[in-house]
Amino acid sequence: MYICICNAIRESDLRKAALTTRGDAEATYATLGKRPNCGQCLAKAGKILDQERALISCEEIAL
């Protein structure tokens, strides 16, 4: 599913980037070589990043 239509960023792109980057959605977009245009996606993208990072933290604790 596309999260950012302006930059054609998919949810899977964000989840992968969350594994290797820190920062908010704008910082993550920058690591993908993109930047927000209209900004309507930033809240949703931020939630996805938070979810993915929380999963990573839980997995690390379980190990």
PDB file of N, CA and C in Angstrom:
ATOM      1  N   MET A   1       0.842  -1.167   0.000  1.00  0.00           N
ATOM      2  CA  MET A   1       0.000   0.000   0.000  1.00  0.00           C
ATOM      3  C   MET A   1       0.901   1.249   0.000  1.00  0.00           C
ATOM      4  N   TYR A   2       0.528   2.224  -0.797  1.00  0.00           N
ATOM      5  CA  TYR A   2       1.273   3.473  -0.834  1.00  0.00           C
ATOM      6  C   TYR A   2       0.887   4.329   0.372  1.00  0.00           C
ATOM      7  N   ILE A   3       1.893   4.818   1.065  1.00  0.00           N
ATOM      8  CA  ILE A   3       1.681   5.732   2.173  1.00  0.00           C
ATOM      9  C   ILE A   3       1.830   7.164   1.694  1.00  0.00           C
ATOM     10  N   CYS A   4       2.831   7.394   0.869  1.00  0.00           N
ATOM     11  CA  CYS A   4       3.077   8.724   0.302  1.00  0.00           C
ATOM     12  C   CYS A   4       2.890   8.640  -1.206  1.00  0.00           C
ATOM     13  N   ILE A   5       1.794   9.195  -1.672  1.00  0.00           N
ATOM     14  CA  ILE A   5       1.495   9.181  -3.098  1.00  0.00           C
ATOM     15  C   ILE A   5       2.464  10.094  -3.846  1.00  0.00           C
ATOM     16  N   CYS A   6       2.784  11.236  -3.265  1.00  0.00           N
ATOM     17  CA  CYS A   6       3.664  12.214  -3.925  1.00  0.00           C
ATOM     18  C   CYS A   6       5.027  11.609  -4.279  1.00  0.00           C
ATOM     19  N   ASN A   7       5.536  10.750  -3.398  1.00  0.00           N
ATOM     20  CA  ASN A   7       6.865  10.170  -3.590  1.00  0.00           C
ATOM     21  C   ASN A   7       6.843   8.673  -3.892  1.00  0.00           C
ATOM     22  N   ALA A   8       5.671   8.118  -4.039  1.00  0.00           N
ATOM     23  CA  ALA A   8       5.511   6.677  -4.300  1.00  0.00           C
ATOM     24  C   ALA A   8       6.244   5.837  -3.250  1.00  0.00           C
ATOM     25  N   ILE A   9       6.062   6.199  -1.975  1.00  0.00           N
ATOM     26  CA  ILE A   9       6.666   5.438  -0.877  1.00  0.00           C
ATOM     27  C   ILE A   9       5.628   4.463  -0.338  1.00  0.00           C
ATOM     28  N   ARG A  10       6.006   3.208  -0.335  1.00  0.00           N
ATOM     29  CA  ARG A  10       5.111   2.154   0.138  1.00  0.00           C
ATOM     30  C   ARG A  10       5.332   1.892   1.620  1.00  0.00           C
ATOM     31  N   GLU A  11       4.337   1.278   2.215  1.00  0.00           N
ATOM     32  CA  GLU A  11       4.439   0.895   3.626  1.00  0.00           C
ATOM     33  C   GLU A  11       5.637  -0.015   3.835  1.00  0.00           C
ATOM     34  N   SER A  12       5.874  -0.929   2.930  1.00  0.00           N
ATOM     35  CA  SER A  12       7.007  -1.852   3.061  1.00  0.00           C
ATOM     36  C   SER A  12       8.334  -1.096   3.019  1.00  0.00           C
ATOM     37  N   ASP A  13       8.415  -0.021   2.230  1.00  0.00           N
ATOM     38  CA  ASP A  13       9.624   0.813   2.185  1.00  0.00           C
ATOM     39  C   ASP A  13       9.891   1.439   3.552  1.00  0.00           C
ATOM     40  N   LEU A  14       8.838   1.945   4.163  1.00  0.00           N
ATOM     41  CA  LEU A  14       8.983   2.576   5.477  1.00  0.00           C
ATOM     42  C   LEU A  14       9.388   1.562   6.539  1.00  0.00           C
ATOM     43  N   ARG A  15       8.763   0.393   6.500  1.00  0.00           N
ATOM     44  CA  ARG A  15       9.089  -0.624   7.505  1.00  0.00           C
ATOM     45  C   ARG A  15      10.553  -1.070   7.378  1.00  0.00           C
ATOM     46  N   LYS A  16      11.042  -1.217   6.175  1.00  0.00           N
ATOM     47  CA  LYS A  16      12.454  -1.571   5.978  1.00  0.00           C
ATOM     48  C   LYS A  16      13.370  -0.445   6.460  1.00  0.00           C
ATOM     49  N   ALA A  17      13.005   0.787   6.144  1.00  0.00           N
ATOM     50  CA  ALA A  17      13.823   1.931   6.548  1.00  0.00           C
ATOM     51  C   ALA A  17      13.840   2.097   8.061  1.00  0.00           C
ATOM     52  N   ALA A  18      12.770   1.723   8.729  1.00  0.00           N
ATOM     53  CA  ALA A  18      12.702   1.833  10.192  1.00  0.00           C
ATOM     54  C   ALA A  18      13.747   0.954  10.861  1.00  0.00           C
ATOM     55  N   LEU A  19      14.153  -0.115  10.184  1.00  0.00           N
ATOM     56  CA  LEU A  19      15.141  -1.033  10.748  1.00  0.00           C
ATOM     57  C   LEU A  19      16.535  -0.427  10.788  1.00  0.00           C
ATOM     58  N   THR A  20      16.805   0.520   9.904  1.00  0.00           N
ATOM     59  CA  THR A  20      18.171   1.036   9.768  1.00  0.00           C
ATOM     60  C   THR A  20      18.309   2.527  10.027  1.00  0.00           C
ATOM     61  N   THR A  21      17.207   3.211  10.266  1.00  0.00           N
ATOM     62  CA  THR A  21      17.269   4.656  10.472  1.00  0.00           C
ATOM     63  C   THR A  21      16.612   5.051  11.778  1.00  0.00           C
ATOM     64  N   ARG A  22      16.952   6.220  12.213  1.00  0.00           N
ATOM     65  CA  ARG A  22      16.311   6.823  13.382  1.00  0.00           C
ATOM     66  C   ARG A  22      15.681   8.136  12.941  1.00  0.00           C
ATOM     67  N   GLY A  23      14.844   8.665  13.776  1.00  0.00           N
ATOM     68  CA  GLY A  23      14.247   9.954  13.464  1.00  0.00           C
ATOM     69  C   GLY A  23      12.808   9.824  13.014  1.00  0.00           C
ATOM     70  N   ASP A  24      12.242  10.963  12.721  1.00  0.00           N
ATOM     71  CA  ASP A  24      10.835  11.021  12.345  1.00  0.00           C
ATOM     72  C   ASP A  24      10.644  10.656  10.874  1.00  0.00           C
ATOM     73  N   ALA A  25       9.420  10.832  10.404  1.00  0.00           N
ATOM     74  CA  ALA A  25       9.095  10.474   9.026  1.00  0.00           C
ATOM     75  C   ALA A  25       9.917  11.289   8.030  1.00  0.00           C
ATOM     76  N   GLU A  26      10.081  12.571   8.284  1.00  0.00           N
ATOM     77  CA  GLU A  26      10.858  13.401   7.353  1.00  0.00           C
ATOM     78  C   GLU A  26      12.301  12.921   7.248  1.00  0.00           C
ATOM     79  N   ALA A  27      12.894  12.570   8.377  1.00  0.00           N
ATOM     80  CA  ALA A  27      14.271  12.065   8.367  1.00  0.00           C
ATOM     81  C   ALA A  27      14.357  10.732   7.631  1.00  0.00           C
ATOM     82  N   THR A  28      13.355   9.903   7.810  1.00  0.00           N
ATOM     83  CA  THR A  28      13.332   8.611   7.136  1.00  0.00           C
ATOM     84  C   THR A  28      13.149   8.797   5.634  1.00  0.00           C
ATOM     85  N   TYR A  29      12.284   9.709   5.245  1.00  0.00           N
ATOM     86  CA  TYR A  29      12.114  10.015   3.823  1.00  0.00           C
ATOM     87  C   TYR A  29      13.455  10.424   3.219  1.00  0.00           C
ATOM     88  N   ALA A  30      14.212  11.230   3.947  1.00  0.00           N
ATOM     89  CA  ALA A  30      15.506  11.702   3.446  1.00  0.00           C
ATOM     90  C   ALA A  30      16.449  10.538   3.180  1.00  0.00           C
ATOM     91  N   THR A  31      16.409   9.518   4.029  1.00  0.00           N
ATOM     92  CA  THR A  31      17.276   8.352   3.799  1.00  0.00           C
ATOM     93  C   THR A  31      16.847   7.585   2.560  1.00  0.00           C
ATOM     94  N   LEU A  32      15.602   7.759   2.164  1.00  0.00           N
ATOM     95  CA  LEU A  32      15.097   7.129   0.945  1.00  0.00           C
ATOM     96  C   LEU A  32      15.319   8.028  -0.279  1.00  0.00           C
ATOM     97  N   GLY A  33      15.951   9.181  -0.052  1.00  0.00           N
ATOM     98  CA  GLY A  33      16.186  10.114  -1.148  1.00  0.00           C
ATOM     99  C   GLY A  33      14.955  10.915  -1.521  1.00  0.00           C
ATOM    100  N   LYS A  34      14.034  11.041  -0.596  1.00  0.00           N
ATOM    101  CA  LYS A  34      12.769  11.748  -0.848  1.00  0.00           C
ATOM    102  C   LYS A  34      12.593  12.850   0.179  1.00  0.00           C
ATOM    103  N   ARG A  35      11.592  13.688  -0.039  1.00  0.00           N
ATOM    104  CA  ARG A  35      11.190  14.670   0.957  1.00  0.00           C
ATOM    105  C   ARG A  35       9.689  14.885   0.826  1.00  0.00           C
ATOM    106  N   PRO A  36       9.040  15.191   1.931  1.00  0.00           N
ATOM    107  CA  PRO A  36       7.583  15.363   1.885  1.00  0.00           C
ATOM    108  C   PRO A  36       7.196  16.524   0.973  1.00  0.00           C
ATOM    109  N   ASN A  37       6.129  16.332   0.239  1.00  0.00           N
ATOM    110  CA  ASN A  37       5.613  17.405  -0.613  1.00  0.00           C
ATOM    111  C   ASN A  37       4.397  18.048   0.038  1.00  0.00           C
ATOM    112  N   CYS A  38       3.284  17.357   0.025  1.00  0.00           N
ATOM    113  CA  CYS A  38       2.066  17.942   0.599  1.00  0.00           C
ATOM    114  C   CYS A  38       2.004  17.735   2.116  1.00  0.00           C
ATOM    115  N   GLY A  39       2.669  16.701   2.625  1.00  0.00           N
ATOM    116  CA  GLY A  39       2.730  16.465   4.065  1.00  0.00           C
ATOM    117  C   GLY A  39       1.568  15.696   4.665  1.00  0.00           C
ATOM    118  N   GLN A  40       0.577  15.339   3.868  1.00  0.00           N
ATOM    119  CA  GLN A  40      -0.580  14.638   4.406  1.00  0.00           C
ATOM    120  C   GLN A  40      -0.250  13.239   4.915  1.00  0.00           C
ATOM    121  N   CYS A  41       0.845  12.684   4.476  1.00  0.00           N
ATOM    122  CA  CYS A  41       1.221  11.318   4.826  1.00  0.00           C
ATOM    123  C   CYS A  41       2.058  11.227   6.100  1.00  0.00           C
ATOM    124  N   LEU A  42       2.569  12.339   6.592  1.00  0.00           N
ATOM    125  CA  LEU A  42       3.565  12.301   7.659  1.00  0.00           C
ATOM    126  C   LEU A  42       3.053  11.660   8.951  1.00  0.00           C
ATOM    127  N   ALA A  43       1.830  11.927   9.332  1.00  0.00           N
ATOM    128  CA  ALA A  43       1.287  11.338  10.564  1.00  0.00           C
ATOM    129  C   ALA A  43       1.181   9.820  10.427  1.00  0.00           C
ATOM    130  N   LYS A  44       0.649   9.354   9.324  1.00  0.00           N
ATOM    131  CA  LYS A  44       0.519   7.911   9.081  1.00  0.00           C
ATOM    132  C   LYS A  44       1.892   7.256   8.990  1.00  0.00           C
ATOM    133  N   ALA A  45       2.812   7.893   8.304  1.00  0.00           N
ATOM    134  CA  ALA A  45       4.169   7.358   8.179  1.00  0.00           C
ATOM    135  C   ALA A  45       4.831   7.270   9.546  1.00  0.00           C
ATOM    136  N   GLY A  46       4.637   8.274  10.375  1.00  0.00           N
ATOM    137  CA  GLY A  46       5.197   8.264  11.727  1.00  0.00           C
ATOM    138  C   GLY A  46       4.665   7.112  12.555  1.00  0.00           C
ATOM    139  N   LYS A  47       3.391   6.830  12.432  1.00  0.00           N
ATOM    140  CA  LYS A  47       2.789   5.709  13.167  1.00  0.00           C
ATOM    141  C   LYS A  47       3.369   4.378  12.704  1.00  0.00           C
ATOM    142  N   ILE A  48       3.562   4.232  11.422  1.00  0.00           N
ATOM    143  CA  ILE A  48       4.142   3.001  10.881  1.00  0.00           C
ATOM    144  C   ILE A  48       5.568   2.820  11.390  1.00  0.00           C
ATOM    145  N   LEU A  49       6.350   3.881  11.383  1.00  0.00           N
ATOM    146  CA  LEU A  49       7.721   3.809  11.890  1.00  0.00           C
ATOM    147  C   LEU A  49       7.730   3.427  13.366  1.00  0.00           C
ATOM    148  N   ASP A  50       6.851   4.049  14.140  1.00  0.00           N
ATOM    149  CA  ASP A  50       6.765   3.727  15.575  1.00  0.00           C
ATOM    150  C   ASP A  50       6.396   2.264  15.796  1.00  0.00           C
ATOM    151  N   GLN A  51       5.427   1.775  15.023  1.00  0.00           N
ATOM    152  CA  GLN A  51       5.007   0.369  15.148  1.00  0.00           C
ATOM    153  C   GLN A  51       6.157  -0.577  14.845  1.00  0.00           C
ATOM    154  N   GLU A  52       6.852  -0.328  13.756  1.00  0.00           N
ATOM    155  CA  GLU A  52       7.933  -1.219  13.343  1.00  0.00           C
ATOM    156  C   GLU A  52       9.073  -1.193  14.359  1.00  0.00           C
ATOM    157  N   ARG A  53       9.399  -0.030  14.851  1.00  0.00           N
ATOM    158  CA  ARG A  53      10.472   0.084  15.843  1.00  0.00           C
ATOM    159  C   ARG A  53      10.083  -0.562  17.163  1.00  0.00           C
ATOM    160  N   ALA A  54       8.813  -0.496  17.525  1.00  0.00           N
ATOM    161  CA  ALA A  54       8.342  -1.159  18.743  1.00  0.00           C
ATOM    162  C   ALA A  54       8.455  -2.673  18.598  1.00  0.00           C
ATOM    163  N   LEU A  55       8.136  -3.189  17.424  1.00  0.00           N
ATOM    164  CA  LEU A  55       8.268  -4.628  17.183  1.00  0.00           C
ATOM    165  C   LEU A  55       9.720  -5.069  17.306  1.00  0.00           C
ATOM    166  N   ILE A  56      10.606  -4.263  16.767  1.00  0.00           N
ATOM    167  CA  ILE A  56      12.034  -4.583  16.845  1.00  0.00           C
ATOM    168  C   ILE A  56      12.482  -4.622  18.293  1.00  0.00           C
ATOM    169  N   SER A  57      12.053  -3.635  19.071  1.00  0.00           N
ATOM    170  CA  SER A  57      12.429  -3.585  20.487  1.00  0.00           C
ATOM    171  C   SER A  57      11.920  -4.792  21.239  1.00  0.00           C
ATOM    172  N   CYS A  58      10.697  -5.196  20.967  1.00  0.00           N
ATOM    173  CA  CYS A  58      10.105  -6.371  21.635  1.00  0.00           C
ATOM    174  C   CYS A  58      10.879  -7.631  21.278  1.00  0.00           C
ATOM    175  N   GLU A  59      11.279  -7.764  20.030  1.00  0.00           N
ATOM    176  CA  GLU A  59      12.038  -8.934  19.604  1.00  0.00           C
ATOM    177  C   GLU A  59      13.402  -8.972  20.267  1.00  0.00           C
ATOM    178  N   GLU A  60      14.034  -7.815  20.415  1.00  0.00           N
ATOM    179  CA  GLU A  60      15.337  -7.769  21.064  1.00  0.00           C
ATOM    180  C   GLU A  60      15.236  -8.145  22.538  1.00  0.00           C
ATOM    181  N   ILE A  61      14.184  -7.704  23.189  1.00  0.00           N
ATOM    182  CA  ILE A  61      13.989  -8.036  24.608  1.00  0.00           C
ATOM    183  C   ILE A  61      13.752  -9.536  24.766  1.00  0.00           C
ATOM    184  N   ALA A  62      13.019 -10.129  23.841  1.00  0.00           N
ATOM    185  CA  ALA A  62      12.702 -11.554  23.913  1.00  0.00           C
ATOM    186  C   ALA A  62      13.947 -12.425  23.735  1.00  0.00           C
ATOM    187  N   LEU A  63      14.935 -11.891  23.052  1.00  0.00           N
ATOM    188  CA  LEU A  63      16.159 -12.674  22.828  1.00  0.00           C
ATOM    189  C   LEU A  63      16.966 -12.664  24.092  1.00  0.00           C
TER     190      LEU A  63
END
